[in-house]
Amino acid sequence: MNENDSHSYKTGDALLSINGFGVQLGEHVLVRDVSLQVRRGTVHCLVGDSGSGKTMTSLAIVGLLPRGSKVNGSISLANVHENLVGLPRQRWADLRGRRIGYVGQNALGCLHPAYTVEFQLVEAIRRHQSLSAGQARAAAVEELAAVDFPDPKRVAAARPAELSGGMCQRVALAIALCNRPSVLIADEPTTALDDETQENILALIRSRALADGLAALLITHDRQVVDDVADDVTSIRDGVSTPGNEHTASPPRVRAARSAPAPDAVPALAVSGVSMTYGRTRRHRRTGPATLRDVSLSVDAGTTVGLIGRSGAGKTTLARIVAGILEPASGEVAIAGEAVAGPNRVDRRRKAGLVQYVFQDPFGSLNPRRSAVTQVAEPLVASGASAEEAEARARAMLTDVGLTPAQVDRRPTQLSGGQCQRVGIARALIRRPSVVVLDEPVSALDWSIRDEILSILGELQDNTGAAYLLIAHDRPLIEQQCDAIYEIADAELCQI
């Protein structure tokens, strides 16, 4: 609990209050009427369909709304005798991090790619606490251990690009909690985490709420998270809030069994003896631990192979090697018989027609300055299609993945996380590649849209014979959608 918090507040008193809040950006009304209270020592879950206004509400609480936003209503914080709406930038610098901790939906985008995790944690700690550099470094390692890192010193020395999405998520949470704020705003804090790590992170948030009087507002699509930790629930539909959980789920789509491939068929994807070790900087010439060790697998055309493992196990590293984004230390990757990694790999233009990637981070994979339809059309233009044909096909594809005609012309900053994920899926599928890497493709989507996206992916696979490499922490999803399942543990791959 912060020393500037009044001790007159009792457990259960409202630390954060939102009344009649609304946001309009240009001609688009993003939030109409949201009201809620987050009480000391409790976890309040905010649920709703993708694009309903959850993230915009969270950004307003920490003063990070897009420029040009028109805001009405009030947001108040205990012991701050000002409306947080319209607060000056310097005042926000004092509140954000110290009184309000924030974990954004785009964890990787919240971290500076050029600085180590330790540098960024120490910077946040010393911004609000009078500690020496050594004391701050020790506190940083303690915070990393608290968010379930078994080797916090190694993580502290790493840069964000050397970490998985789930690891970046935990680093962002450590930064948000390092100054013991009285309020925590966490936008999808468990999206990229395996079940064990998710349980530990939720237990940490719950323990901070009980021990320190933290008031936590969690934005989530995960019904299990709501069931496990929520003391209070608010639903948002079409920008309007109502108390209680109106978030309903569709029954899971069970994928039809695939016929066996011909005995002499060439696998759509063949990974042979791939190993990967992340090294350090030129200044520190030492080798890090092996991320992958002699990994081999194959995926036949028209089938889906699932890849599971703990956060940081190496799943995304393998996926990026398959997509040709990373070069392995050894081994080869072939798609439809053509090498995309190794000494005899094809050129970049040919590779783009063979394999495409749906990234775990929907915001970071899109250009913030270009509209959704422009970005989905770009691969077609690069392959020789006319601008008119490419735009028409891009609009049709974006409609297929659930965006409205108005949304397809918006930029990523004007879309929700789930909507950005749909743009990423449309962009990956527009050229009908032989192999599609799906890195947590539905983790950012609400349950009402999730089954729809899985159906679209299944229909496209039926029509094109594409092979999918599906990475997910959701074990039931993997079991429903995959023909074979592999697990990465201790840098090695085994079939389950």
Protein backbone atom coordinates (compact mmCIF):
# COMPACT_ATOMS: atom_id res chain seq x y z
CA MET A 1 0.00 0.00 0.00
CA ASN A 2 1.37 3.43 -0.90
CA GLU A 3 2.28 5.84 1.85
CA ASN A 4 0.10 8.51 0.24
CA ASP A 5 -3.04 6.35 0.46
CA SER A 6 -5.40 7.36 3.23
CA HIS A 7 -5.81 4.73 5.92
CA SER A 8 -9.43 5.88 6.43
CA TYR A 9 -10.45 3.65 3.52
CA LYS A 10 -11.58 0.19 4.52
CA THR A 11 -11.33 -3.00 2.51
CA GLY A 12 -14.14 -2.86 -0.01
CA ASP A 13 -14.18 0.93 -0.42
CA ALA A 14 -14.06 2.11 -4.02
CA LEU A 15 -10.54 3.14 -5.11
CA LEU A 16 -11.53 3.65 -8.74
CA SER A 17 -14.90 4.99 -9.93
CA ILE A 18 -16.08 5.47 -13.52
CA ASN A 19 -19.38 7.29 -14.14
CA GLY A 20 -21.12 7.88 -17.48
CA PHE A 21 -17.86 7.51 -19.39
CA GLY A 22 -17.89 7.78 -23.20
CA VAL A 23 -15.32 8.15 -26.01
CA GLN A 24 -15.73 9.38 -29.57
CA LEU A 25 -12.91 9.33 -32.13
CA GLY A 26 -13.77 11.31 -35.24
CA GLU A 27 -17.21 10.15 -36.33
CA HIS A 28 -16.93 6.83 -34.50
CA VAL A 29 -18.51 6.44 -31.06
CA LEU A 30 -16.29 3.84 -29.37
CA VAL A 31 -17.74 3.92 -25.83
CA ARG A 32 -21.22 5.25 -25.00
CA ASP A 33 -21.97 4.90 -21.30
CA VAL A 34 -19.69 2.96 -18.95
CA SER A 35 -20.02 3.06 -15.16
CA LEU A 36 -18.31 0.83 -12.62
CA GLN A 37 -16.44 0.83 -9.31
CA VAL A 38 -13.34 -1.15 -8.37
CA ARG A 39 -13.11 -1.78 -4.64
CA ARG A 40 -10.01 -2.03 -2.49
CA GLY A 41 -8.82 -5.62 -1.99
CA THR A 42 -10.95 -7.01 -4.84
CA VAL A 43 -10.60 -8.15 -8.44
CA HIS A 44 -13.14 -6.67 -10.85
CA CYS A 45 -13.45 -8.32 -14.29
CA LEU A 46 -14.56 -6.34 -17.34
CA VAL A 47 -15.92 -8.58 -20.08
CA GLY A 48 -17.58 -8.10 -23.44
CA ASP A 49 -17.35 -8.80 -27.14
CA SER A 50 -14.33 -7.72 -29.15
CA GLY A 51 -14.68 -4.03 -30.05
CA SER A 52 -17.25 -3.31 -27.33
CA GLY A 53 -15.06 -0.64 -25.69
CA LYS A 54 -13.18 -2.51 -22.96
CA THR A 55 -9.68 -1.49 -24.05
CA MET A 56 -10.69 2.12 -24.69
CA THR A 57 -12.04 2.28 -21.14
CA SER A 58 -8.76 0.94 -19.74
CA LEU A 59 -6.70 3.40 -21.79
CA ALA A 60 -8.78 6.29 -20.48
CA ILE A 61 -8.12 5.23 -16.88
CA VAL A 62 -4.36 5.62 -17.42
CA GLY A 63 -4.53 8.68 -19.70
CA LEU A 64 -3.46 6.95 -22.92
CA LEU A 65 -6.40 7.57 -25.25
CA PRO A 66 -5.55 8.34 -28.89
CA ARG A 67 -5.12 12.00 -29.79
CA GLY A 68 -8.31 13.67 -30.93
CA SER A 69 -10.53 11.59 -28.66
CA LYS A 70 -13.62 13.36 -27.33
CA VAL A 71 -14.40 12.19 -23.82
CA ASN A 72 -17.36 12.70 -21.49
CA GLY A 73 -18.17 11.49 -18.01
CA SER A 74 -15.81 11.15 -15.06
CA ILE A 75 -13.06 8.85 -13.78
CA SER A 76 -11.98 9.32 -10.17
CA LEU A 77 -9.23 7.81 -8.04
CA ALA A 78 -9.33 7.76 -4.23
CA ASN A 79 -7.37 10.68 -2.69
CA VAL A 80 -7.03 12.39 -6.08
CA HIS A 81 -9.43 15.31 -6.00
CA GLU A 82 -9.54 15.75 -9.76
CA ASN A 83 -11.37 14.17 -12.67
CA LEU A 84 -8.80 11.92 -14.41
CA VAL A 85 -10.44 12.77 -17.72
CA GLY A 86 -8.46 15.67 -19.17
CA LEU A 87 -5.70 15.54 -16.54
CA PRO A 88 -2.46 17.35 -17.61
CA ARG A 89 0.41 15.17 -18.89
CA GLN A 90 2.74 16.03 -15.99
CA ARG A 91 0.10 15.02 -13.48
CA TRP A 92 -0.30 11.71 -15.25
CA ALA A 93 3.47 11.13 -15.02
CA ASP A 94 3.13 11.24 -11.23
CA LEU A 95 0.09 8.95 -11.07
CA ARG A 96 0.86 6.37 -13.74
CA GLY A 97 3.12 3.68 -12.34
CA ARG A 98 2.92 4.91 -8.74
CA ARG A 99 -0.83 5.01 -8.06
CA ILE A 100 -2.07 3.12 -11.14
CA GLY A 101 -0.23 0.16 -12.66
CA TYR A 102 -1.07 -0.76 -16.25
CA VAL A 103 -0.51 -3.90 -18.32
CA GLY A 104 -1.50 -3.34 -21.95
CA GLN A 105 -2.93 -5.96 -24.26
CA ASN A 106 0.16 -5.58 -26.46
CA ALA A 107 2.81 -6.66 -23.94
CA LEU A 108 5.70 -6.59 -26.42
CA GLY A 109 4.71 -3.09 -27.55
CA CYS A 110 4.85 -1.91 -23.93
CA LEU A 111 8.54 -2.82 -23.72
CA HIS A 112 11.44 -0.97 -25.37
CA PRO A 113 13.17 -3.34 -27.82
CA ALA A 114 16.63 -1.79 -27.37
CA TYR A 115 16.91 -2.05 -23.57
CA THR A 116 17.23 -5.04 -21.28
CA VAL A 117 14.42 -6.07 -18.99
CA GLU A 118 16.52 -5.07 -15.98
CA PHE A 119 17.07 -1.55 -17.35
CA GLN A 120 13.35 -1.03 -17.89
CA LEU A 121 12.37 -2.36 -14.47
CA VAL A 122 15.05 -0.31 -12.71
CA GLU A 123 13.92 2.80 -14.59
CA ALA A 124 10.32 2.27 -13.44
CA ILE A 125 11.37 1.60 -9.84
CA ARG A 126 13.70 4.60 -9.51
CA ARG A 127 11.13 6.90 -11.15
CA HIS A 128 8.94 6.57 -8.07
CA GLN A 129 11.18 5.22 -5.29
CA SER A 130 14.34 6.64 -3.65
CA LEU A 131 16.58 3.60 -4.16
CA SER A 132 20.20 3.29 -5.25
CA ALA A 133 20.97 1.60 -8.55
CA GLY A 134 22.04 -1.57 -6.74
CA GLN A 135 18.94 -1.66 -4.59
CA ALA A 136 16.73 -1.12 -7.65
CA ARG A 137 18.46 -3.95 -9.53
CA ALA A 138 17.88 -6.29 -6.59
CA ALA A 139 14.22 -5.21 -6.43
CA ALA A 140 13.89 -5.83 -10.19
CA VAL A 141 15.08 -9.43 -9.83
CA GLU A 142 12.65 -9.95 -6.93
CA GLU A 143 9.75 -8.68 -9.04
CA LEU A 144 10.67 -11.05 -11.89
CA ALA A 145 10.79 -13.97 -9.48
CA ALA A 146 7.34 -12.96 -8.18
CA VAL A 147 5.82 -13.29 -11.68
CA ASP A 148 6.94 -16.93 -11.94
CA PHE A 149 10.32 -16.73 -13.71
CA PRO A 150 12.48 -19.67 -12.55
CA ASP A 151 15.68 -17.85 -13.63
CA PRO A 152 14.95 -14.14 -13.05
CA LYS A 153 18.57 -13.02 -13.46
CA ARG A 154 18.76 -14.46 -16.98
CA VAL A 155 15.47 -12.81 -17.91
CA ALA A 156 16.69 -9.50 -16.45
CA ALA A 157 19.71 -9.57 -18.78
CA ALA A 158 17.58 -10.30 -21.87
CA ARG A 159 15.95 -7.92 -24.33
CA PRO A 160 12.25 -8.29 -25.25
CA ALA A 161 13.04 -9.83 -28.65
CA GLU A 162 14.76 -12.73 -26.85
CA LEU A 163 11.62 -13.55 -24.88
CA SER A 164 8.39 -15.26 -25.84
CA GLY A 165 5.05 -13.47 -25.84
CA GLY A 166 4.10 -15.03 -22.52
CA MET A 167 7.42 -14.01 -20.97
CA CYS A 168 6.94 -10.42 -22.18
CA GLN A 169 3.47 -10.51 -20.64
CA ARG A 170 4.96 -11.38 -17.26
CA VAL A 171 7.66 -8.72 -17.56
CA ALA A 172 4.98 -6.10 -18.26
CA LEU A 173 3.09 -7.27 -15.16
CA ALA A 174 6.26 -7.03 -13.06
CA ILE A 175 6.78 -3.43 -14.23
CA ALA A 176 3.15 -2.58 -13.45
CA LEU A 177 3.40 -3.97 -9.90
CA CYS A 178 6.95 -2.94 -8.98
CA ASN A 179 5.90 0.30 -7.22
CA ARG A 180 3.02 -1.29 -5.29
CA PRO A 181 0.24 0.74 -6.95
CA SER A 182 -3.16 0.98 -5.31
CA VAL A 183 -4.94 0.20 -8.62
CA LEU A 184 -3.93 -2.29 -11.32
CA ILE A 185 -5.42 -2.17 -14.83
CA ALA A 186 -4.61 -5.37 -16.74
CA ASP A 187 -5.86 -5.82 -20.32
CA GLU A 188 -5.88 -9.56 -21.13
CA PRO A 189 -3.01 -10.31 -18.71
CA THR A 190 -3.16 -14.10 -19.17
CA THR A 191 -3.74 -14.37 -22.94
CA ALA A 192 -0.31 -15.77 -23.85
CA LEU A 193 0.29 -17.87 -20.73
CA ASP A 194 0.15 -21.62 -20.22
CA ASP A 195 -2.27 -22.98 -17.62
CA GLU A 196 0.30 -23.33 -14.82
CA THR A 197 1.78 -19.86 -15.30
CA GLN A 198 -1.69 -18.34 -15.67
CA GLU A 199 -2.74 -19.87 -12.36
CA ASN A 200 0.37 -18.49 -10.66
CA ILE A 201 -0.11 -14.98 -12.12
CA LEU A 202 -3.75 -14.85 -11.05
CA ALA A 203 -2.73 -16.05 -7.60
CA LEU A 204 -0.16 -13.22 -7.45
CA ILE A 205 -2.77 -10.60 -8.36
CA ARG A 206 -5.20 -12.07 -5.84
CA SER A 207 -2.55 -12.12 -3.09
CA ARG A 208 -1.60 -8.49 -3.79
CA ALA A 209 -5.26 -7.55 -3.58
CA LEU A 210 -5.66 -9.24 -0.21
CA ALA A 211 -2.29 -8.29 1.33
CA ASP A 212 -1.78 -4.77 -0.05
CA GLY A 213 -5.39 -3.69 -0.63
CA LEU A 214 -4.83 -3.60 -4.40
CA ALA A 215 -7.90 -2.84 -6.52
CA ALA A 216 -7.50 -4.82 -9.75
CA LEU A 217 -9.49 -4.31 -12.95
CA LEU A 218 -8.93 -7.27 -15.29
CA ILE A 219 -10.14 -7.15 -18.89
CA THR A 220 -10.53 -10.67 -20.20
CA HIS A 221 -12.25 -12.96 -22.68
CA ASP A 222 -11.51 -16.01 -20.56
CA ARG A 223 -14.54 -17.30 -18.67
CA GLN A 224 -12.26 -19.41 -16.47
CA VAL A 225 -10.39 -16.31 -15.30
CA VAL A 226 -13.70 -14.69 -14.38
CA ASP A 227 -14.82 -17.79 -12.50
CA ASP A 228 -11.49 -18.12 -10.66
CA VAL A 229 -10.75 -14.59 -9.46
CA ALA A 230 -13.62 -12.15 -9.99
CA ASP A 231 -15.25 -10.53 -6.98
CA ASP A 232 -17.27 -8.24 -9.27
CA VAL A 233 -18.07 -8.39 -12.99
CA THR A 234 -19.15 -5.71 -15.45
CA SER A 235 -20.18 -6.47 -19.03
CA ILE A 236 -19.89 -4.05 -21.95
CA ARG A 237 -22.07 -4.42 -25.03
CA ASP A 238 -22.04 -1.82 -27.83
CA GLY A 239 -20.18 0.62 -25.58
CA VAL A 240 -22.71 0.42 -22.70
CA SER A 241 -21.93 -1.26 -19.37
CA THR A 242 -24.17 -3.42 -17.20
CA PRO A 243 -23.35 -5.10 -13.87
CA GLY A 244 -22.86 -8.87 -14.01
CA ASN A 245 -21.57 -11.31 -16.61
CA GLU A 246 -23.58 -11.39 -19.82
CA HIS A 247 -20.68 -12.93 -21.71
CA THR A 248 -21.83 -16.21 -23.24
CA ALA A 249 -19.89 -18.83 -25.12
CA SER A 250 -20.63 -20.70 -28.31
CA PRO A 251 -20.21 -24.47 -28.26
CA PRO A 252 -16.71 -25.43 -29.43
CA ARG A 253 -16.29 -26.32 -33.08
CA VAL A 254 -15.08 -29.90 -33.32
CA ARG A 255 -13.01 -30.41 -36.43
CA ALA A 256 -13.86 -33.28 -38.78
CA ALA A 257 -11.30 -36.07 -39.09
CA ARG A 258 -8.98 -35.92 -42.10
CA SER A 259 -8.30 -38.75 -44.48
CA ALA A 260 -4.79 -40.21 -44.47
CA PRO A 261 -2.40 -38.76 -47.10
CA ALA A 262 -1.08 -40.87 -49.96
CA PRO A 263 1.99 -42.93 -48.90
CA ASP A 264 4.27 -41.20 -51.42
CA ALA A 265 2.95 -37.66 -50.82
CA VAL A 266 5.51 -34.94 -50.07
CA PRO A 267 4.80 -33.37 -46.66
CA ALA A 268 3.56 -29.79 -46.79
CA LEU A 269 6.03 -29.00 -43.99
CA ALA A 270 9.16 -30.95 -43.02
CA VAL A 271 11.41 -29.81 -40.16
CA SER A 272 14.65 -31.79 -39.88
CA GLY A 273 17.18 -31.60 -37.05
CA VAL A 274 16.58 -27.94 -36.19
CA SER A 275 18.52 -26.49 -33.26
CA MET A 276 18.53 -22.91 -31.99
CA THR A 277 20.54 -21.09 -29.33
CA TYR A 278 20.14 -17.41 -28.59
CA GLY A 279 23.53 -15.78 -28.06
CA ARG A 280 24.31 -12.55 -26.29
CA THR A 281 25.55 -9.18 -27.54
CA ARG A 282 28.94 -8.64 -29.16
CA ARG A 283 30.11 -7.10 -25.94
CA HIS A 284 29.20 -10.21 -23.92
CA ARG A 285 30.52 -13.04 -26.08
CA ARG A 286 28.88 -15.95 -24.38
CA THR A 287 26.23 -18.40 -25.51
CA GLY A 288 22.82 -18.64 -23.92
CA PRO A 289 20.99 -21.91 -23.17
CA ALA A 290 19.65 -23.97 -26.06
CA THR A 291 16.09 -23.01 -27.03
CA LEU A 292 15.61 -25.92 -29.46
CA ARG A 293 17.67 -29.09 -29.73
CA ASP A 294 17.47 -31.41 -32.79
CA VAL A 295 13.78 -30.81 -33.47
CA SER A 296 12.05 -32.71 -36.30
CA LEU A 297 8.41 -32.92 -37.37
CA SER A 298 6.26 -33.10 -40.50
CA VAL A 299 2.80 -31.80 -41.41
CA ASP A 300 0.85 -33.24 -44.34
CA ALA A 301 -1.21 -31.10 -46.69
CA GLY A 302 -4.70 -30.42 -45.37
CA THR A 303 -3.85 -31.37 -41.79
CA THR A 304 -3.24 -29.44 -38.57
CA VAL A 305 -0.43 -30.13 -36.13
CA GLY A 306 -0.61 -28.62 -32.64
CA LEU A 307 2.37 -27.33 -30.70
CA ILE A 308 2.13 -26.89 -26.93
CA GLY A 309 4.52 -26.16 -24.09
CA ARG A 310 5.10 -23.77 -21.21
CA SER A 311 5.55 -20.07 -21.82
CA GLY A 312 9.15 -19.57 -23.03
CA ALA A 313 9.62 -23.23 -24.04
CA GLY A 314 10.51 -22.34 -27.64
CA LYS A 315 7.21 -22.67 -29.50
CA THR A 316 7.32 -19.23 -31.11
CA THR A 317 11.02 -19.68 -31.92
CA LEU A 318 10.22 -22.85 -33.88
CA ALA A 319 7.30 -21.11 -35.60
CA ARG A 320 9.51 -18.23 -36.72
CA ILE A 321 12.10 -20.64 -38.06
CA VAL A 322 9.38 -22.41 -40.07
CA ALA A 323 8.26 -19.04 -41.45
CA GLY A 324 11.83 -18.10 -42.35
CA ILE A 325 11.94 -15.16 -39.93
CA LEU A 326 14.76 -16.74 -37.91
CA GLU A 327 17.67 -18.77 -39.26
CA PRO A 328 18.34 -21.92 -37.18
CA ALA A 329 21.78 -22.72 -35.84
CA SER A 330 21.50 -26.07 -37.64
CA GLY A 331 18.93 -28.13 -39.49
CA GLU A 332 16.58 -27.56 -42.42
CA VAL A 333 12.95 -26.62 -43.07
CA ALA A 334 11.18 -27.53 -46.31
CA ILE A 335 7.70 -26.52 -47.49
CA ALA A 336 6.16 -28.56 -50.29
CA GLY A 337 9.65 -29.87 -50.98
CA GLU A 338 11.27 -26.41 -51.19
CA ALA A 339 13.76 -25.32 -48.53
CA VAL A 340 12.85 -22.14 -46.64
CA ALA A 341 15.56 -22.50 -43.95
CA GLY A 342 19.03 -23.93 -44.36
CA PRO A 343 21.82 -23.52 -46.91
CA ASN A 344 19.66 -24.06 -50.04
CA ARG A 345 16.62 -21.97 -49.13
CA VAL A 346 14.43 -20.24 -51.71
CA ASP A 347 14.38 -16.46 -52.13
CA ARG A 348 12.17 -14.20 -50.07
CA ARG A 349 9.47 -13.60 -52.70
CA ARG A 350 8.98 -17.31 -53.31
CA LYS A 351 8.93 -18.00 -49.58
CA ALA A 352 6.03 -15.54 -49.09
CA GLY A 353 3.88 -17.64 -51.39
CA LEU A 354 4.71 -20.84 -49.52
CA VAL A 355 4.27 -19.90 -45.87
CA GLN A 356 2.44 -17.19 -43.95
CA TYR A 357 2.26 -16.33 -40.27
CA VAL A 358 -0.50 -15.21 -37.91
CA PHE A 359 1.43 -13.51 -35.13
CA GLN A 360 0.81 -13.79 -31.41
CA ASP A 361 0.98 -9.98 -31.08
CA PRO A 362 -1.81 -8.56 -33.29
CA PHE A 363 -0.87 -4.89 -32.74
CA GLY A 364 2.87 -5.25 -33.30
CA SER A 365 2.40 -7.18 -36.54
CA LEU A 366 0.38 -4.39 -38.20
CA ASN A 367 1.49 -1.01 -39.52
CA PRO A 368 -0.22 1.62 -37.32
CA ARG A 369 -0.28 4.16 -40.17
CA ARG A 370 -2.13 2.06 -42.76
CA SER A 371 -5.72 0.90 -42.92
CA ALA A 372 -6.73 -2.73 -42.47
CA VAL A 373 -7.80 -3.16 -46.10
CA THR A 374 -4.52 -1.69 -47.39
CA GLN A 375 -2.46 -4.10 -45.31
CA VAL A 376 -4.46 -7.16 -46.35
CA ALA A 377 -4.26 -6.14 -50.02
CA GLU A 378 -0.50 -5.57 -49.89
CA PRO A 379 0.56 -9.25 -50.31
CA LEU A 380 -1.63 -9.52 -53.43
CA VAL A 381 -0.13 -6.37 -54.95
CA ALA A 382 3.37 -7.69 -54.20
CA SER A 383 2.51 -10.92 -56.05
CA GLY A 384 1.38 -9.03 -59.18
CA ALA A 385 -2.35 -8.37 -58.71
CA SER A 386 -3.77 -5.00 -59.73
CA ALA A 387 -4.58 -2.51 -56.97
CA GLU A 388 -8.33 -2.73 -57.76
CA GLU A 389 -8.42 -6.53 -57.69
CA ALA A 390 -6.32 -6.66 -54.52
CA GLU A 391 -8.57 -4.22 -52.68
CA ALA A 392 -11.75 -6.07 -53.69
CA ARG A 393 -10.36 -9.41 -52.53
CA ALA A 394 -9.04 -7.85 -49.31
CA ARG A 395 -12.45 -6.37 -48.46
CA ALA A 396 -14.11 -9.74 -49.06
CA MET A 397 -11.56 -11.53 -46.87
CA LEU A 398 -11.94 -9.00 -44.04
CA THR A 399 -15.71 -9.44 -44.20
CA ASP A 400 -15.20 -13.22 -43.97
CA VAL A 401 -13.22 -12.86 -40.72
CA GLY A 402 -15.90 -10.70 -39.11
CA LEU A 403 -15.06 -7.02 -39.72
CA THR A 404 -17.78 -4.59 -40.78
CA PRO A 405 -17.44 -2.43 -43.93
CA ALA A 406 -16.70 0.59 -41.71
CA GLN A 407 -13.98 -1.22 -39.77
CA VAL A 408 -12.00 -2.36 -42.81
CA ASP A 409 -10.98 1.24 -43.55
CA ARG A 410 -9.76 1.93 -40.00
CA ARG A 411 -6.17 1.88 -38.79
CA PRO A 412 -5.03 -0.62 -36.13
CA THR A 413 -5.10 2.06 -33.42
CA GLN A 414 -8.84 2.43 -34.10
CA LEU A 415 -9.50 -1.31 -33.73
CA SER A 416 -9.65 -3.58 -30.71
CA GLY A 417 -7.12 -6.34 -30.08
CA GLY A 418 -9.53 -8.99 -31.37
CA GLN A 419 -10.24 -6.98 -34.51
CA CYS A 420 -6.51 -6.54 -35.16
CA GLN A 421 -6.07 -10.30 -34.79
CA ARG A 422 -8.72 -10.83 -37.48
CA VAL A 423 -6.85 -8.45 -39.78
CA GLY A 424 -3.70 -10.52 -39.21
CA ILE A 425 -5.55 -13.74 -40.06
CA ALA A 426 -7.00 -12.22 -43.23
CA ARG A 427 -3.57 -10.97 -44.34
CA ALA A 428 -2.00 -14.39 -43.78
CA LEU A 429 -4.70 -16.29 -45.67
CA ILE A 430 -5.21 -13.92 -48.60
CA ARG A 431 -2.55 -15.60 -50.80
CA ARG A 432 -3.62 -19.14 -49.91
CA PRO A 433 -0.18 -20.41 -48.87
CA SER A 434 0.83 -24.06 -48.52
CA VAL A 435 1.60 -23.68 -44.80
CA VAL A 436 0.11 -21.28 -42.27
CA VAL A 437 1.69 -20.80 -38.86
CA LEU A 438 -1.03 -19.90 -36.34
CA ASP A 439 0.57 -18.48 -33.19
CA GLU A 440 -2.29 -18.20 -30.66
CA PRO A 441 -4.72 -17.18 -33.45
CA VAL A 442 -7.86 -16.92 -31.30
CA SER A 443 -6.43 -16.07 -27.88
CA ALA A 444 -7.39 -12.38 -28.27
CA LEU A 445 -10.90 -13.11 -29.55
CA ASP A 446 -14.10 -13.22 -27.52
CA TRP A 447 -16.02 -16.46 -27.38
CA SER A 448 -18.76 -15.27 -29.73
CA ILE A 449 -16.19 -14.75 -32.52
CA ARG A 450 -13.73 -17.54 -31.71
CA ASP A 451 -15.82 -20.38 -33.18
CA GLU A 452 -16.52 -18.28 -36.25
CA ILE A 453 -12.77 -17.78 -36.90
CA LEU A 454 -12.06 -21.48 -36.37
CA SER A 455 -14.79 -22.31 -38.88
CA ILE A 456 -13.25 -19.92 -41.42
CA LEU A 457 -9.82 -21.47 -40.91
CA GLY A 458 -11.31 -24.93 -41.32
CA GLU A 459 -13.21 -24.02 -44.49
CA LEU A 460 -10.13 -22.48 -46.07
CA GLN A 461 -8.11 -25.57 -45.21
CA ASP A 462 -10.77 -27.76 -46.84
CA ASN A 463 -10.74 -25.61 -49.98
CA THR A 464 -6.98 -25.15 -50.40
CA GLY A 465 -5.37 -28.13 -48.69
CA ALA A 466 -3.17 -25.83 -46.60
CA ALA A 467 -1.26 -27.28 -43.65
CA TYR A 468 -1.56 -25.53 -40.29
CA LEU A 469 0.97 -25.39 -37.48
CA LEU A 470 -1.19 -24.32 -34.54
CA ILE A 471 0.44 -22.96 -31.37
CA ALA A 472 -1.81 -22.56 -28.34
CA HIS A 473 -1.88 -22.87 -24.57
CA ASP A 474 -5.52 -23.95 -24.69
CA ARG A 475 -5.27 -27.74 -24.49
CA PRO A 476 -8.97 -28.40 -25.33
CA LEU A 477 -8.62 -26.22 -28.42
CA ILE A 478 -5.53 -28.15 -29.55
CA GLU A 479 -7.25 -31.49 -29.00
CA GLN A 480 -10.37 -30.40 -30.95
CA GLN A 481 -8.54 -28.90 -33.92
CA CYS A 482 -5.39 -30.98 -34.46
CA ASP A 483 -4.53 -34.26 -36.19
CA ALA A 484 -1.29 -34.60 -34.20
CA ILE A 485 0.07 -32.84 -31.10
CA TYR A 486 3.69 -32.12 -30.19
CA GLU A 487 5.06 -30.67 -26.96
CA ILE A 488 8.30 -28.72 -26.45
CA ALA A 489 9.95 -29.23 -23.06
CA ASP A 490 13.60 -28.69 -22.10
CA ALA A 491 14.38 -27.64 -25.70
CA GLU A 492 13.26 -30.99 -27.12
CA LEU A 493 10.17 -32.01 -29.09
CA CYS A 494 8.08 -35.07 -28.43
CA GLN A 495 4.79 -36.26 -29.92
CA ILE A 496 1.92 -36.79 -27.51
